């Protein structure tokens, strides 16, 4: 008669609890950041003209950087924790029966299963609604693949089909190498997409230049409304009472004043030297940046001028619309 013997569940010590929690938290963060990274790629490559604009594009690129930074730190922690735990299981197989390990694995399976079910429900619902788009499908399949991969991996792990030692082969090791390769490709692709830190710093200087020009333009309009003429120089716009100081180029090496030229009574132009083309200039699908300005005076209506620019010295031609920017009528009695 064959009797089945079972080892008692191994009691978890503080080190075991720490490693199990570290492993599972690193898994959740890595999976979430990977999905976030792919979603950001999709938002950049397939912008929705109904909801995307220059600022959502900036947010997507910032999201790419945050996801890359998180994956560079957290995913290696997950790989190390998994390797270290498997090494311990090879030395002491009874550690696979620890209650905290089983609780965390079954909770992970439950969570992955719920995500897969919700993902499929969302897919079918949008199919019935006739609202499927390439952008939406890519996001749905991203979540499905990530959740499905986690579910399949840990099903094998619970069935104890994983190799007992990290040095052994098997589907789990192939899975680990495949996931690592995918993560590496996704991270490297992010660097190509968002550019180097040096390029990003140069682009931030350009965005600050645009904000400065918006401020200057709003003050010129305010000056026109008050005095019915364009200011002769930018220095005339400085107003210590309102705390208005006309800025100069933000880069310390330059620090030059922005160019302001009056073309005629109602037309002027503002110029600045930009490091790089703006994002909305590079992407034909991204709407151009429009006002509001960063520092708009009260009761001023803004039109649809955009601030898309190339690299080098770029000028923006502007015209005062007297129907929109009506000068204030101040009587002599009011002046006294």
C-alpha atoms as a PDB file:
ATOM      1  CA  UNK A   1       0.000   0.000   0.000  1.00  0.00           C
ATOM      2  CA  UNK A   2       1.422   3.343  -1.017  1.00  0.00           C
ATOM      3  CA  UNK A   3       1.089   6.021   1.560  1.00  0.00           C
ATOM      4  CA  UNK A   4       1.386   9.641   0.604  1.00  0.00           C
ATOM      5  CA  UNK A   5       3.469  11.621   2.974  1.00  0.00           C
ATOM      6  CA  UNK A   6       3.451  15.391   3.048  1.00  0.00           C
ATOM      7  CA  UNK A   7       5.876  17.767   4.634  1.00  0.00           C
ATOM      8  CA  UNK A   8       4.472  20.157   7.212  1.00  0.00           C
ATOM      9  CA  UNK A   9       4.185  23.744   6.031  1.00  0.00           C
ATOM     10  CA  UNK A  10       7.470  25.518   6.630  1.00  0.00           C
ATOM     11  CA  UNK A  11       7.225  28.361   9.112  1.00  0.00           C
ATOM     12  CA  UNK A  12       8.257  31.645   7.593  1.00  0.00           C
ATOM     13  CA  UNK A  13      10.933  33.658   9.312  1.00  0.00           C
ATOM     14  CA  UNK A  14      11.398  37.434   8.973  1.00  0.00           C
ATOM     15  CA  UNK A  15      13.814  36.986   6.043  1.00  0.00           C
ATOM     16  CA  UNK A  16      11.346  34.758   4.198  1.00  0.00           C
ATOM     17  CA  UNK A  17       8.483  37.209   4.705  1.00  0.00           C
ATOM     18  CA  UNK A  18      10.631  40.113   3.511  1.00  0.00           C
ATOM     19  CA  UNK A  19      11.814  38.265   0.386  1.00  0.00           C
ATOM     20  CA  UNK A  20       8.327  37.060  -0.535  1.00  0.00           C
ATOM     21  CA  UNK A  21       6.828  40.549  -0.127  1.00  0.00           C
ATOM     22  CA  UNK A  22       9.736  42.142  -2.002  1.00  0.00           C
ATOM     23  CA  UNK A  23       9.329  39.678  -4.846  1.00  0.00           C
ATOM     24  CA  UNK A  24       5.587  40.121  -5.249  1.00  0.00           C
ATOM     25  CA  UNK A  25       5.640  43.929  -4.872  1.00  0.00           C
ATOM     26  CA  UNK A  26       8.443  44.175  -7.431  1.00  0.00           C
ATOM     27  CA  UNK A  27       6.342  41.993  -9.751  1.00  0.00           C
ATOM     28  CA  UNK A  28       3.274  44.244  -9.432  1.00  0.00           C
ATOM     29  CA  UNK A  29       5.270  47.441  -9.921  1.00  0.00           C
ATOM     30  CA  UNK A  30       7.177  46.012 -12.906  1.00  0.00           C
ATOM     31  CA  UNK A  31       3.981  44.811 -14.586  1.00  0.00           C
ATOM     32  CA  UNK A  32       2.208  48.112 -13.948  1.00  0.00           C
ATOM     33  CA  UNK A  33       5.120  50.211 -15.203  1.00  0.00           C
ATOM     34  CA  UNK A  34       5.506  48.033 -18.303  1.00  0.00           C
ATOM     35  CA  UNK A  35       1.817  48.479 -19.148  1.00  0.00           C
ATOM     36  CA  UNK A  36       2.146  52.207 -18.497  1.00  0.00           C
ATOM     37  CA  UNK A  37       5.187  52.338 -20.793  1.00  0.00           C
ATOM     38  CA  UNK A  38       3.395  50.569 -23.646  1.00  0.00           C
ATOM     39  CA  UNK A  39       0.295  52.746 -23.170  1.00  0.00           C
ATOM     40  CA  UNK A  40       2.501  55.854 -23.428  1.00  0.00           C
ATOM     41  CA  UNK A  41       4.072  54.518 -26.632  1.00  0.00           C
ATOM     42  CA  UNK A  42       0.604  53.997 -28.075  1.00  0.00           C
ATOM     43  CA  UNK A  43      -0.514  57.499 -27.035  1.00  0.00           C
ATOM     44  CA  UNK A  44       2.518  59.020 -28.761  1.00  0.00           C
ATOM     45  CA  UNK A  45       2.439  56.922 -31.926  1.00  0.00           C
ATOM     46  CA  UNK A  46      -1.351  56.924 -32.331  1.00  0.00           C
ATOM     47  CA  UNK A  47      -2.597  60.253 -30.912  1.00  0.00           C
ATOM     48  CA  UNK A  48      -6.335  60.732 -30.624  1.00  0.00           C
ATOM     49  CA  UNK A  49      -7.173  64.011 -32.363  1.00  0.00           C
ATOM     50  CA  UNK A  50     -10.272  64.384 -30.178  1.00  0.00           C
ATOM     51  CA  UNK A  51      -8.387  64.409 -26.896  1.00  0.00           C
ATOM     52  CA  UNK A  52      -4.683  64.784 -27.609  1.00  0.00           C
ATOM     53  CA  UNK A  53      -2.872  68.101 -27.635  1.00  0.00           C
ATOM     54  CA  UNK A  54       0.609  69.418 -27.022  1.00  0.00           C
ATOM     55  CA  UNK A  55       0.324  69.080 -23.268  1.00  0.00           C
ATOM     56  CA  UNK A  56      -1.005  65.504 -23.301  1.00  0.00           C
ATOM     57  CA  UNK A  57       1.915  64.665 -25.581  1.00  0.00           C
ATOM     58  CA  UNK A  58       4.281  66.149 -22.997  1.00  0.00           C
ATOM     59  CA  UNK A  59       2.539  64.102 -20.302  1.00  0.00           C
ATOM     60  CA  UNK A  60       2.931  60.910 -22.357  1.00  0.00           C
ATOM     61  CA  UNK A  61       6.657  61.543 -22.826  1.00  0.00           C
ATOM     62  CA  UNK A  62       7.033  62.245 -19.108  1.00  0.00           C
ATOM     63  CA  UNK A  63       5.186  59.008 -18.391  1.00  0.00           C
ATOM     64  CA  UNK A  64       7.679  57.144 -20.604  1.00  0.00           C
ATOM     65  CA  UNK A  65      10.578  58.519 -18.561  1.00  0.00           C
ATOM     66  CA  UNK A  66       8.930  57.622 -15.256  1.00  0.00           C
ATOM     67  CA  UNK A  67       8.175  54.066 -16.446  1.00  0.00           C
ATOM     68  CA  UNK A  68      11.753  53.606 -17.717  1.00  0.00           C
ATOM     69  CA  UNK A  69      13.217  54.870 -14.434  1.00  0.00           C
ATOM     70  CA  UNK A  70      10.963  52.525 -12.448  1.00  0.00           C
ATOM     71  CA  UNK A  71      11.731  49.480 -14.603  1.00  0.00           C
ATOM     72  CA  UNK A  72      15.486  50.077 -14.525  1.00  0.00           C
ATOM     73  CA  UNK A  73      15.375  49.880 -10.721  1.00  0.00           C
ATOM     74  CA  UNK A  74      12.438  47.599  -9.875  1.00  0.00           C
ATOM     75  CA  UNK A  75      12.589  44.885 -12.546  1.00  0.00           C
ATOM     76  CA  UNK A  76      16.175  43.803 -11.645  1.00  0.00           C
ATOM     77  CA  UNK A  77      15.013  43.636  -8.019  1.00  0.00           C
ATOM     78  CA  UNK A  78      12.229  41.248  -9.091  1.00  0.00           C
ATOM     79  CA  UNK A  79      14.684  39.105 -11.087  1.00  0.00           C
ATOM     80  CA  UNK A  80      17.118  38.990  -8.179  1.00  0.00           C
ATOM     81  CA  UNK A  81      14.419  38.177  -5.605  1.00  0.00           C
ATOM     82  CA  UNK A  82      13.020  35.401  -7.817  1.00  0.00           C
ATOM     83  CA  UNK A  83      16.496  33.954  -8.367  1.00  0.00           C
ATOM     84  CA  UNK A  84      17.304  34.123  -4.663  1.00  0.00           C
ATOM     85  CA  UNK A  85      14.023  32.448  -3.687  1.00  0.00           C
ATOM     86  CA  UNK A  86      14.485  29.678  -6.251  1.00  0.00           C
ATOM     87  CA  UNK A  87      17.974  29.129  -4.919  1.00  0.00           C
ATOM     88  CA  UNK A  88      16.490  28.698  -1.452  1.00  0.00           C
ATOM     89  CA  UNK A  89      13.840  26.294  -2.771  1.00  0.00           C
ATOM     90  CA  UNK A  90      16.592  24.176  -4.337  1.00  0.00           C
ATOM     91  CA  UNK A  91      18.358  23.910  -0.988  1.00  0.00           C
ATOM     92  CA  UNK A  92      15.159  23.463   1.064  1.00  0.00           C
ATOM     93  CA  UNK A  93      12.219  22.267  -1.113  1.00  0.00           C
ATOM     94  CA  UNK A  94       9.864  22.429   1.879  1.00  0.00           C
ATOM     95  CA  UNK A  95      10.020  26.226   1.702  1.00  0.00           C
ATOM     96  CA  UNK A  96       7.650  26.013  -1.254  1.00  0.00           C
ATOM     97  CA  UNK A  97       4.950  25.115   1.262  1.00  0.00           C
ATOM     98  CA  UNK A  98       5.259  28.330   3.264  1.00  0.00           C
ATOM     99  CA  UNK A  99       1.838  29.830   3.895  1.00  0.00           C
ATOM    100  CA  UNK A 100       2.867  33.384   2.992  1.00  0.00           C
ATOM    101  CA  UNK A 101       4.199  32.154  -0.352  1.00  0.00           C
ATOM    102  CA  UNK A 102       0.986  30.328  -1.194  1.00  0.00           C
ATOM    103  CA  UNK A 103      -1.192  33.236  -0.065  1.00  0.00           C
ATOM    104  CA  UNK A 104       0.736  35.690  -2.233  1.00  0.00           C
ATOM    105  CA  UNK A 105       0.788  33.363  -5.253  1.00  0.00           C
ATOM    106  CA  UNK A 106      -2.933  32.650  -5.084  1.00  0.00           C
ATOM    107  CA  UNK A 107      -3.688  36.338  -4.584  1.00  0.00           C
ATOM    108  CA  UNK A 108      -1.564  37.112  -7.655  1.00  0.00           C
ATOM    109  CA  UNK A 109      -3.464  34.495  -9.672  1.00  0.00           C
ATOM    110  CA  UNK A 110      -6.764  35.920  -8.436  1.00  0.00           C
ATOM    111  CA  UNK A 111      -5.723  39.466  -9.366  1.00  0.00           C
ATOM    112  CA  UNK A 112      -4.436  38.426 -12.800  1.00  0.00           C
ATOM    113  CA  UNK A 113      -7.624  36.458 -13.437  1.00  0.00           C
ATOM    114  CA  UNK A 114      -9.842  39.413 -12.502  1.00  0.00           C
ATOM    115  CA  UNK A 115      -7.825  41.682 -14.815  1.00  0.00           C
ATOM    116  CA  UNK A 116      -8.121  39.197 -17.701  1.00  0.00           C
ATOM    117  CA  UNK A 117     -11.880  38.855 -17.194  1.00  0.00           C
ATOM    118  CA  UNK A 118     -12.357  42.644 -16.988  1.00  0.00           C
ATOM    119  CA  UNK A 119     -10.152  43.106 -20.044  1.00  0.00           C
ATOM    120  CA  UNK A 120     -12.228  40.668 -22.113  1.00  0.00           C
ATOM    121  CA  UNK A 121     -15.509  42.205 -20.907  1.00  0.00           C
ATOM    122  CA  UNK A 122     -14.260  45.656 -21.956  1.00  0.00           C
ATOM    123  CA  UNK A 123     -13.191  44.300 -25.340  1.00  0.00           C
ATOM    124  CA  UNK A 124     -16.564  42.668 -26.032  1.00  0.00           C
ATOM    125  CA  UNK A 125     -18.492  45.701 -24.790  1.00  0.00           C
ATOM    126  CA  UNK A 126     -16.626  48.068 -27.088  1.00  0.00           C
ATOM    127  CA  UNK A 127     -17.007  45.597 -29.946  1.00  0.00           C
ATOM    128  CA  UNK A 128     -20.785  45.636 -29.456  1.00  0.00           C
ATOM    129  CA  UNK A 129     -20.708  49.434 -29.209  1.00  0.00           C
ATOM    130  CA  UNK A 130     -18.839  49.671 -32.498  1.00  0.00           C
ATOM    131  CA  UNK A 131     -16.091  51.740 -30.844  1.00  0.00           C
ATOM    132  CA  UNK A 132     -13.051  49.564 -31.502  1.00  0.00           C
ATOM    133  CA  UNK A 133      -9.990  51.479 -32.681  1.00  0.00           C
ATOM    134  CA  UNK A 134      -6.411  50.396 -33.272  1.00  0.00           C
ATOM    135  CA  UNK A 135      -5.339  52.466 -30.278  1.00  0.00           C
ATOM    136  CA  UNK A 136      -7.912  50.825 -27.997  1.00  0.00           C
ATOM    137  CA  UNK A 137      -7.179  47.283 -29.247  1.00  0.00           C
ATOM    138  CA  UNK A 138      -3.451  47.665 -28.665  1.00  0.00           C
ATOM    139  CA  UNK A 139      -4.052  48.726 -25.068  1.00  0.00           C
ATOM    140  CA  UNK A 140      -6.503  45.884 -24.458  1.00  0.00           C
ATOM    141  CA  UNK A 141      -4.091  43.295 -25.862  1.00  0.00           C
ATOM    142  CA  UNK A 142      -1.210  44.764 -23.841  1.00  0.00           C
ATOM    143  CA  UNK A 143      -3.098  44.243 -20.580  1.00  0.00           C
ATOM    144  CA  UNK A 144      -4.270  40.786 -21.716  1.00  0.00           C
ATOM    145  CA  UNK A 145      -0.757  39.614 -22.609  1.00  0.00           C
ATOM    146  CA  UNK A 146       0.831  40.911 -19.393  1.00  0.00           C
ATOM    147  CA  UNK A 147      -1.887  39.534 -17.106  1.00  0.00           C
ATOM    148  CA  UNK A 148      -2.025  36.265 -19.058  1.00  0.00           C
ATOM    149  CA  UNK A 149       1.739  35.838 -18.871  1.00  0.00           C
ATOM    150  CA  UNK A 150       1.765  36.361 -15.109  1.00  0.00           C
ATOM    151  CA  UNK A 151      -1.186  33.999 -14.660  1.00  0.00           C
ATOM    152  CA  UNK A 152       0.431  31.250 -16.739  1.00  0.00           C
ATOM    153  CA  UNK A 153       3.819  31.567 -15.062  1.00  0.00           C
ATOM    154  CA  UNK A 154       2.480  31.305 -11.533  1.00  0.00           C
ATOM    155  CA  UNK A 155       0.115  28.461 -12.398  1.00  0.00           C
ATOM    156  CA  UNK A 156       3.216  26.490 -13.388  1.00  0.00           C
ATOM    157  CA  UNK A 157       4.963  27.637 -10.229  1.00  0.00           C
ATOM    158  CA  UNK A 158       2.115  26.473  -7.976  1.00  0.00           C
ATOM    159  CA  UNK A 159       2.085  23.109  -9.748  1.00  0.00           C
ATOM    160  CA  UNK A 160       5.754  22.893  -8.849  1.00  0.00           C
ATOM    161  CA  UNK A 161       6.829  22.373 -12.447  1.00  0.00           C
ATOM    162  CA  UNK A 162       9.466  25.054 -12.182  1.00  0.00           C
ATOM    163  CA  UNK A 163      13.071  23.862 -12.064  1.00  0.00           C
ATOM    164  CA  UNK A 164      14.329  23.445  -8.527  1.00  0.00           C
ATOM    165  CA  UNK A 165      17.544  25.308  -9.241  1.00  0.00           C
ATOM    166  CA  UNK A 166      18.098  28.559 -11.134  1.00  0.00           C
ATOM    167  CA  UNK A 167      20.899  26.838 -13.031  1.00  0.00           C
ATOM    168  CA  UNK A 168      18.494  24.270 -14.533  1.00  0.00           C
ATOM    169  CA  UNK A 169      16.581  24.838 -17.717  1.00  0.00           C
ATOM    170  CA  UNK A 170      12.918  24.545 -18.475  1.00  0.00           C
ATOM    171  CA  UNK A 171       9.999  26.710 -19.508  1.00  0.00           C
ATOM    172  CA  UNK A 172      10.342  28.985 -16.473  1.00  0.00           C
ATOM    173  CA  UNK A 173      13.894  29.901 -17.351  1.00  0.00           C
ATOM    174  CA  UNK A 174      12.904  30.500 -20.969  1.00  0.00           C
ATOM    175  CA  UNK A 175      10.039  32.658 -19.720  1.00  0.00           C
ATOM    176  CA  UNK A 176      12.409  34.681 -17.514  1.00  0.00           C
ATOM    177  CA  UNK A 177      14.853  35.281 -20.364  1.00  0.00           C
ATOM    178  CA  UNK A 178      12.029  36.223 -22.751  1.00  0.00           C
ATOM    179  CA  UNK A 179      10.503  38.716 -20.320  1.00  0.00           C
ATOM    180  CA  UNK A 180      13.923  40.232 -19.607  1.00  0.00           C
ATOM    181  CA  UNK A 181      14.555  40.661 -23.340  1.00  0.00           C
ATOM    182  CA  UNK A 182      11.156  42.312 -23.845  1.00  0.00           C
ATOM    183  CA  UNK A 183      11.776  44.690 -20.937  1.00  0.00           C
ATOM    184  CA  UNK A 184      15.200  45.595 -22.332  1.00  0.00           C
ATOM    185  CA  UNK A 185      13.780  46.337 -25.783  1.00  0.00           C
ATOM    186  CA  UNK A 186      10.978  48.444 -24.276  1.00  0.00           C
ATOM    187  CA  UNK A 187      13.420  50.462 -22.159  1.00  0.00           C
ATOM    188  CA  UNK A 188      15.913  51.035 -24.985  1.00  0.00           C
ATOM    189  CA  UNK A 189      13.054  52.034 -27.292  1.00  0.00           C
ATOM    190  CA  UNK A 190      12.012  54.638 -24.741  1.00  0.00           C
ATOM    191  CA  UNK A 191      15.414  56.311 -24.879  1.00  0.00           C
ATOM    192  CA  UNK A 192      15.154  56.587 -28.658  1.00  0.00           C
ATOM    193  CA  UNK A 193      11.612  57.955 -28.406  1.00  0.00           C
ATOM    194  CA  UNK A 194      12.032  60.642 -25.745  1.00  0.00           C
ATOM    195  CA  UNK A 195      15.664  61.516 -26.437  1.00  0.00           C
ATOM    196  CA  UNK A 196      18.666  61.899 -24.182  1.00  0.00           C
ATOM    197  CA  UNK A 197      18.655  63.891 -20.903  1.00  0.00           C
ATOM    198  CA  UNK A 198      20.638  66.602 -22.705  1.00  0.00           C
ATOM    199  CA  UNK A 199      17.954  66.916 -25.400  1.00  0.00           C
ATOM    200  CA  UNK A 200      15.210  67.032 -22.779  1.00  0.00           C
ATOM    201  CA  UNK A 201      16.973  69.847 -20.926  1.00  0.00           C
ATOM    202  CA  UNK A 202      17.292  71.770 -24.197  1.00  0.00           C
ATOM    203  CA  UNK A 203      13.589  71.231 -24.872  1.00  0.00           C
ATOM    204  CA  UNK A 204      12.656  72.517 -21.413  1.00  0.00           C
ATOM    205  CA  UNK A 205      14.583  75.708 -22.120  1.00  0.00           C
ATOM    206  CA  UNK A 206      12.577  76.032 -25.353  1.00  0.00           C
ATOM    207  CA  UNK A 207       9.292  75.581 -23.503  1.00  0.00           C
ATOM    208  CA  UNK A 208      10.342  78.286 -21.072  1.00  0.00           C
ATOM    209  CA  UNK A 209      11.098  80.572 -24.027  1.00  0.00           C
ATOM    210  CA  UNK A 210       7.572  79.991 -25.342  1.00  0.00           C
ATOM    211  CA  UNK A 211       6.151  80.839 -21.918  1.00  0.00           C
ATOM    212  CA  UNK A 212       8.197  84.039 -21.877  1.00  0.00           C
ATOM    213  CA  UNK A 213       6.935  85.021 -25.328  1.00  0.00           C
ATOM    214  CA  UNK A 214       3.365  84.348 -24.221  1.00  0.00           C
ATOM    215  CA  UNK A 215       3.892  86.611 -21.230  1.00  0.00           C
ATOM    216  CA  UNK A 216       5.400  89.340 -23.401  1.00  0.00           C
ATOM    217  CA  UNK A 217       2.562  89.073 -25.923  1.00  0.00           C
ATOM    218  CA  UNK A 218      -0.070  89.315 -23.201  1.00  0.00           C
ATOM    219  CA  UNK A 219       1.630  92.428 -21.789  1.00  0.00           C
ATOM    220  CA  UNK A 220       1.818  94.009 -25.240  1.00  0.00           C
ATOM    221  CA  UNK A 221      -1.920  93.420 -25.655  1.00  0.00           C
ATOM    222  CA  UNK A 222      -2.550  94.872 -22.207  1.00  0.00           C
ATOM    223  CA  UNK A 223      -0.427  97.910 -23.121  1.00  0.00           C
ATOM    224  CA  UNK A 224      -2.443  98.360 -26.320  1.00  0.00           C
ATOM    225  CA  UNK A 225      -5.727  98.210 -24.434  1.00  0.00           C
ATOM    226  CA  UNK A 226      -4.535 100.816 -21.951  1.00  0.00           C
ATOM    227  CA  UNK A 227      -2.873 103.228 -24.416  1.00  0.00           C
ATOM    228  CA  UNK A 228      -4.107 102.321 -27.921  1.00  0.00           C
ATOM    229  CA  UNK A 229      -0.524 102.082 -29.217  1.00  0.00           C
ATOM    230  CA  UNK A 230       2.163  99.426 -29.282  1.00  0.00           C
ATOM    231  CA  UNK A 231       5.084  99.873 -26.877  1.00  0.00           C
ATOM    232  CA  UNK A 232       8.251 101.130 -28.525  1.00  0.00           C
ATOM    233  CA  UNK A 233      10.468  98.746 -26.549  1.00  0.00           C
ATOM    234  CA  UNK A 234       9.960  95.793 -24.222  1.00  0.00           C
ATOM    235  CA  UNK A 235      11.338  97.844 -21.340  1.00  0.00           C
ATOM    236  CA  UNK A 236       8.152  99.918 -21.407  1.00  0.00           C
ATOM    237  CA  UNK A 237       6.221  96.832 -20.315  1.00  0.00           C
ATOM    238  CA  UNK A 238       8.011  96.528 -16.981  1.00  0.00           C
ATOM    239  CA  UNK A 239       5.576  97.435 -14.212  1.00  0.00           C
ATOM    240  CA  UNK A 240       6.897  97.303 -10.639  1.00  0.00           C
ATOM    241  CA  UNK A 241       3.427  97.987  -9.209  1.00  0.00           C
ATOM    242  CA  UNK A 242       1.939  94.854 -10.818  1.00  0.00           C
ATOM    243  CA  UNK A 243       5.213  92.978 -10.411  1.00  0.00           C
ATOM    244  CA  UNK A 244       5.727  92.548 -14.153  1.00  0.00           C
ATOM    245  CA  UNK A 245       9.344  92.109 -15.244  1.00  0.00           C
ATOM    246  CA  UNK A 246       9.952  91.226 -18.883  1.00  0.00           C
ATOM    247  CA  UNK A 247      12.136  88.103 -18.910  1.00  0.00           C
ATOM    248  CA  UNK A 248      15.219  87.357 -20.961  1.00  0.00           C
ATOM    249  CA  UNK A 249      16.474  84.130 -22.515  1.00  0.00           C
ATOM    250  CA  UNK A 250      16.545  81.472 -19.745  1.00  0.00           C
ATOM    251  CA  UNK A 251      19.892  79.882 -20.610  1.00  0.00           C
ATOM    252  CA  UNK A 252      22.647  81.411 -18.458  1.00  0.00           C
ATOM    253  CA  UNK A 253      25.128  81.248 -21.347  1.00  0.00           C
ATOM    254  CA  UNK A 254      22.845  83.416 -23.462  1.00  0.00           C
ATOM    255  CA  UNK A 255      20.755  85.667 -21.239  1.00  0.00           C
ATOM    256  CA  UNK A 256      19.899  87.758 -24.288  1.00  0.00           C
ATOM    257  CA  UNK A 257      16.795  89.909 -24.581  1.00  0.00           C
ATOM    258  CA  UNK A 258      14.018  88.646 -26.820  1.00  0.00           C
ATOM    259  CA  UNK A 259      13.619  90.406 -30.145  1.00  0.00           C
ATOM    260  CA  UNK A 260      10.598  92.688 -30.493  1.00  0.00           C
ATOM    261  CA  UNK A 261       9.940  94.619 -33.674  1.00  0.00           C
ATOM    262  CA  UNK A 262       7.044  96.908 -34.624  1.00  0.00           C
ATOM    263  CA  UNK A 263       6.035  96.369 -38.251  1.00  0.00           C
ATOM    264  CA  UNK A 264       3.295  98.986 -38.354  1.00  0.00           C
ATOM    265  CA  UNK A 265       0.656 100.495 -36.090  1.00  0.00           C
ATOM    266  CA  UNK A 266      -1.062  97.164 -35.370  1.00  0.00           C
ATOM    267  CA  UNK A 267       1.515  94.508 -36.327  1.00  0.00           C
ATOM    268  CA  UNK A 268       4.553  93.316 -34.424  1.00  0.00           C
ATOM    269  CA  UNK A 269       6.732  90.266 -34.148  1.00  0.00           C
ATOM    270  CA  UNK A 270       8.479  88.427 -31.333  1.00  0.00           C
ATOM    271  CA  UNK A 271      11.592  86.333 -31.923  1.00  0.00           C
ATOM    272  CA  UNK A 272      13.639  83.831 -29.908  1.00  0.00           C
ATOM    273  CA  UNK A 273      16.461  81.382 -30.596  1.00  0.00           C
ATOM    274  CA  UNK A 274      15.262  77.797 -30.013  1.00  0.00           C
ATOM    275  CA  UNK A 275      17.408  74.728 -29.457  1.00  0.00           C
ATOM    276  CA  UNK A 276      15.107  72.159 -31.063  1.00  0.00           C
ATOM    277  CA  UNK A 277      11.886  71.904 -33.067  1.00  0.00           C
ATOM    278  CA  UNK A 278       8.816  71.768 -30.841  1.00  0.00           C
ATOM    279  CA  UNK A 279       6.988  68.480 -30.421  1.00  0.00           C
ATOM    280  CA  UNK A 280       3.874  69.775 -32.176  1.00  0.00           C
ATOM    281  CA  UNK A 281       6.075  70.850 -35.080  1.00  0.00           C
ATOM    282  CA  UNK A 282       7.516  67.340 -35.376  1.00  0.00           C
ATOM    283  CA  UNK A 283       4.165  65.533 -35.260  1.00  0.00           C
ATOM    284  CA  UNK A 284       1.612  66.297 -37.939  1.00  0.00           C
ATOM    285  CA  UNK A 285      -1.105  64.621 -35.831  1.00  0.00           C
ATOM    286  CA  UNK A 286      -0.584  66.817 -32.794  1.00  0.00           C
ATOM    287  CA  UNK A 287      -2.609  70.044 -32.599  1.00  0.00           C
ATOM    288  CA  UNK A 288      -0.515  73.202 -32.373  1.00  0.00           C
ATOM    289  CA  UNK A 289      -0.120  74.964 -29.064  1.00  0.00           C
ATOM    290  CA  UNK A 290      -2.589  77.743 -28.595  1.00  0.00           C
ATOM    291  CA  UNK A 291      -2.933  80.409 -25.959  1.00  0.00           C
ATOM    292  CA  UNK A 292      -3.910  80.902 -23.029  1.00  0.00           C
ATOM    293  CA  UNK A 293      -0.697  82.518 -21.988  1.00  0.00           C
ATOM    294  CA  UNK A 294       1.003  81.832 -18.708  1.00  0.00           C
ATOM    295  CA  UNK A 295       0.347  85.347 -17.438  1.00  0.00           C
ATOM    296  CA  UNK A 296      -2.840  86.640 -19.071  1.00  0.00           C
ATOM    297  CA  UNK A 297      -4.157  90.045 -18.016  1.00  0.00           C
ATOM    298  CA  UNK A 298      -7.797  90.047 -17.030  1.00  0.00           C
ATOM    299  CA  UNK A 299     -10.607  90.466 -19.535  1.00  0.00           C
ATOM    300  CA  UNK A 300      -8.464  89.791 -22.598  1.00  0.00           C
ATOM    301  CA  UNK A 301      -9.684  87.427 -25.275  1.00  0.00           C
ATOM    302  CA  UNK A 302      -7.077  85.249 -26.948  1.00  0.00           C
ATOM    303  CA  UNK A 303      -7.207  83.940 -30.478  1.00  0.00           C
ATOM    304  CA  UNK A 304      -5.781  80.775 -32.001  1.00  0.00           C
ATOM    305  CA  UNK A 305      -2.164  81.764 -32.517  1.00  0.00           C
ATOM    306  CA  UNK A 306       0.121  78.783 -32.137  1.00  0.00           C
ATOM    307  CA  UNK A 307       3.657  78.606 -30.839  1.00  0.00           C
ATOM    308  CA  UNK A 308       4.998  75.673 -32.837  1.00  0.00           C
ATOM    309  CA  UNK A 309       8.584  76.347 -33.828  1.00  0.00           C
ATOM    310  CA  UNK A 310      11.627  74.904 -35.513  1.00  0.00           C
ATOM    311  CA  UNK A 311      15.210  75.232 -34.318  1.00  0.00           C
ATOM    312  CA  UNK A 312      17.260  78.412 -34.539  1.00  0.00           C
ATOM    313  CA  UNK A 313      15.971  81.984 -34.653  1.00  0.00           C
ATOM    314  CA  UNK A 314      12.184  81.840 -35.025  1.00  0.00           C
ATOM    315  CA  UNK A 315       9.834  84.834 -35.242  1.00  0.00           C
ATOM    316  CA  UNK A 316       6.116  84.922 -34.542  1.00  0.00           C
ATOM    317  CA  UNK A 317       4.115  87.553 -36.409  1.00  0.00           C
ATOM    318  CA  UNK A 318       1.179  88.977 -34.507  1.00  0.00           C
ATOM    319  CA  UNK A 319      -1.521  91.480 -35.368  1.00  0.00           C
ATOM    320  CA  UNK A 320      -3.646  93.457 -32.943  1.00  0.00           C
ATOM    321  CA  UNK A 321      -7.295  92.907 -33.778  1.00  0.00           C
ATOM    322  CA  UNK A 322      -9.012  96.134 -32.780  1.00  0.00           C
ATOM    323  CA  UNK A 323     -12.406  94.412 -32.665  1.00  0.00           C
ATOM    324  CA  UNK A 324     -11.130  91.985 -30.044  1.00  0.00           C
ATOM    325  CA  UNK A 325      -8.722  94.218 -28.155  1.00  0.00           C
ATOM    326  CA  UNK A 326     -10.594  97.464 -27.811  1.00  0.00           C
ATOM    327  CA  UNK A 327      -8.669 100.303 -26.149  1.00  0.00           C
ATOM    328  CA  UNK A 328     -10.177 101.624 -22.965  1.00  0.00           C
ATOM    329  CA  UNK A 329     -11.848 105.039 -23.245  1.00  0.00           C
ATOM    330  CA  UNK A 330     -10.694 107.162 -20.384  1.00  0.00           C
ATOM    331  CA  UNK A 331     -12.280 110.584 -20.018  1.00  0.00           C
ATOM    332  CA  UNK A 332     -10.448 113.595 -18.614  1.00  0.00           C
ATOM    333  CA  UNK A 333     -12.795 113.585 -15.627  1.00  0.00           C
ATOM    334  CA  UNK A 334     -11.838 109.954 -14.898  1.00  0.00           C
ATOM    335  CA  UNK A 335      -8.141 110.820 -15.207  1.00  0.00           C
ATOM    336  CA  UNK A 336      -8.538 113.508 -12.514  1.00  0.00           C
END
